[in-house]
Amino acid sequence: MQNCFNMGFNNMGKFLVLLMMVMIWCWASIAEAEYMLYKDPKQPPSARINDLMKRMTLEEKIGQMTQIERSVASNEVIKKYLIGSVLSGGGSVPSKQATPETWVNMVNDFQRGSLSTRLGIPLIYGIDAVHGHNNVYKATIFPHNVGLGVTRQVHLKDPILVKKIGAATALEVRATGIQYAFAPCIAVCRDPRWGRCYESYSEDTEIVRLMTEIIPGLQGEITDGSKKGAPFVNGQHKVAACAKHYLGDGGTHLGTNEGNTILDSKKFFSIHMPAYNDSIIKGVATIMTSYSSWNGVKMHANRNLVTGFLKGKLKFKGFVISDWQGIDRITNPPHANYTYSILAGINAGIDMFMVPLNFTEFIDGLTYLVKNKFVPMSQIDDAVQRILRVKFTMGLFENPLADYSMTKYLGCQEHRDLAREAVRKSLVLLKNGKSSMKPLLPLPKKTSKILVAGSHADNIGYQCGGWTIEWQGVSGNITAGTTILSAVKKSVEPSTQVIYNENPSQDFLKSNNFDYAIIVVGEPPYAETFGDSSNLTIPEPGPSTIKNVCGSVKCVVVLITGRPVVVQPFIGTIDALVAAWLPGTEGQGVTDVLFGDYGFTGKLARTWFKSVEQLPMNVGDPHYDPLYPFGFGLTTAPTKTT
């Protein structure tokens, strides 16, 4: 009996030991299942990427490579198609005059769709914040790049202002819950007939290189230990930047948007490539390919330049993104053979595809190409690794959702003061007095009566230009800011009478005894191809206003344009001429200098031609014969201590 008891006890003991071992194994398995290395912020990014890649299906990988427009996105769509990125196109907003809180709510709703997928890979939201957070109501709108190029401090080689603008823009973008800005444009515009010339800092490669300092402003200052080519985004107050448009977009024949840059390799690389190398050294997270071609080869299909040079020679480790429907335009007409376009784009080395609307066609097409071995899996893996590298680097996995804590930065006074400073430093004084012995500027604040005239004097939309609230820009007081007319009224003495007449008649001018006139005229807003111009003239009634007013009253003409325009026919009539470019929302920066609180310091970053027949004409050309040469700019001293 005792033996039977002992045998039963021993068997029971063995059973309990076995049971405990099974339970321990189950607990270990559960713990292992719950621990996902890619979600561990203590692990290096390379290990996290490798772990996540092993878990991903083809469907999940292609989803990461797909960027769609917010108008077709939803929590459900993102979850169903495993979308890796969403964007706002120009003017695409959650609602008219949406608050930053509304933006945050929208982005977070999309993000929750991503987080609810099997692997919970967060999406990255992109937007064209090209001169401030320009899609968003009440954001600070800085001068366009054509003006910022003027602000370079040539002797100090210290483009600190543009770095501050980058940092301010990053804060305002983050204020709306967005983590990715399609900026800066580092095109070298060689022909002002191009409709995107105002997005370029200069015709001069060295100035454009200097202005890449906006990237550390947007992303943060890269650390000493960073490897060349590695993307760098320093925390939740910074955004991923995007150097664009790779390559040669500013050098197209006749300045045609999306055209063909016809240059030999030596000139092409020496003019258009250096700023990209600088951007990569500074840790730029993404680079966007150009619609344009080089010697007939579309950049969206140029494997030698995208994979060979950018990723190979320059060692770029971030991701390459297409432009809006960029692969569609590989064929002519666009979208004529979409399967071919997908294949050409992926083979070129594009990693993320901006397929804003018909994204399912892209997903289905790329899936077919991979499954039928037209596209190797290694190409897909390289693209996804690059996208994940950026997402891990910027901390998206740890902080995928935004809150309202940064909404205070949108349009804050500190940023408006910075924009006002940028306006002051971007102005170029081209003429000051019909005789150098009798300068008109600075203007007196205390006088009897002054006239303000011109189509652009009281129009925030015209001041800001394209890519403001709407893609093409729009006329009117479309957002918070100060028009030049309002700035004049704030600047003069209370006893000075300010009369505004947009286009005064001769009778009106004769019936008033004006001490002087400020005429503000220029180009209407435009963007991209809509801005291509073969004549570069100021539209009526601008020239008529100049002729009528300057024929009767001492006048200063302030030009609001995205590039040099034809002024020679009426330069003799004008007493003083100021190039104000596209200054943005802070019009008081113009009057700060007109009235002498600050002096004129700006120097042309673009050649000012005499006639369009001279174009293209850039500094250093054999036929160089400008009206105002590159680097020109008269100076004035401030009339009071500032």
Foldseek 3Di string as FASTA:
>chain_A
DVVVVVVVVVVVVVVVVVVVVVVVVVVVVVVVVVDQPLLDLVDDLVVNLVSVVVVDDPQLLVLLQEEAELVPDFLQVCLVSVHAEYEHEFLRDPDAQDALQNLQVSLVRNQVSQCPHPVRRGHAYEYACAQANFQHFLFFGFQALCLLLQLQPVVVLASPLLLQSLLLSLLQCVLSVHAEHADDELAQALFVLAQCLLSHNFVFQVSSLSSLSSQCSQANFDDPPDDQQAAAHDESSHHQYEYDAPWNQNQADLNFGLEEREDDPVVRCVRTPPSVLSNRRRRRQEYEYGSHYYPPQGRLQALCVQVVCVCNVSVHLAAYEYPALSLQSNDVVGPPPVLVSLLSNLNSQHQHYNDHPPRVVSSVSVVVCDVVVVDDVVSSSSSSSNSSSSCSNHPCSPPVRGDNPSSCSGNHPVSLVSSLVSLLSSKFWDFAFLDPVDGCPQDALDDAEEEEEAPQQAWQQLLQAASHSGRQTDTHPSHDFAGLLNLSCVRHDPNYHYHYDHADDLVVLVVDDHAEYEYEFEDHHGHGNVSNDLFQATDPPRVVSLCRRLVRGQYEYEYAASDAGADVVCPSSHGIYMDSHRSHRYSNSVSCDSNQVAKHDTFRSYFHANGSVPPSDAPPDPVDDHPAHGRDGDMDGGPDHD
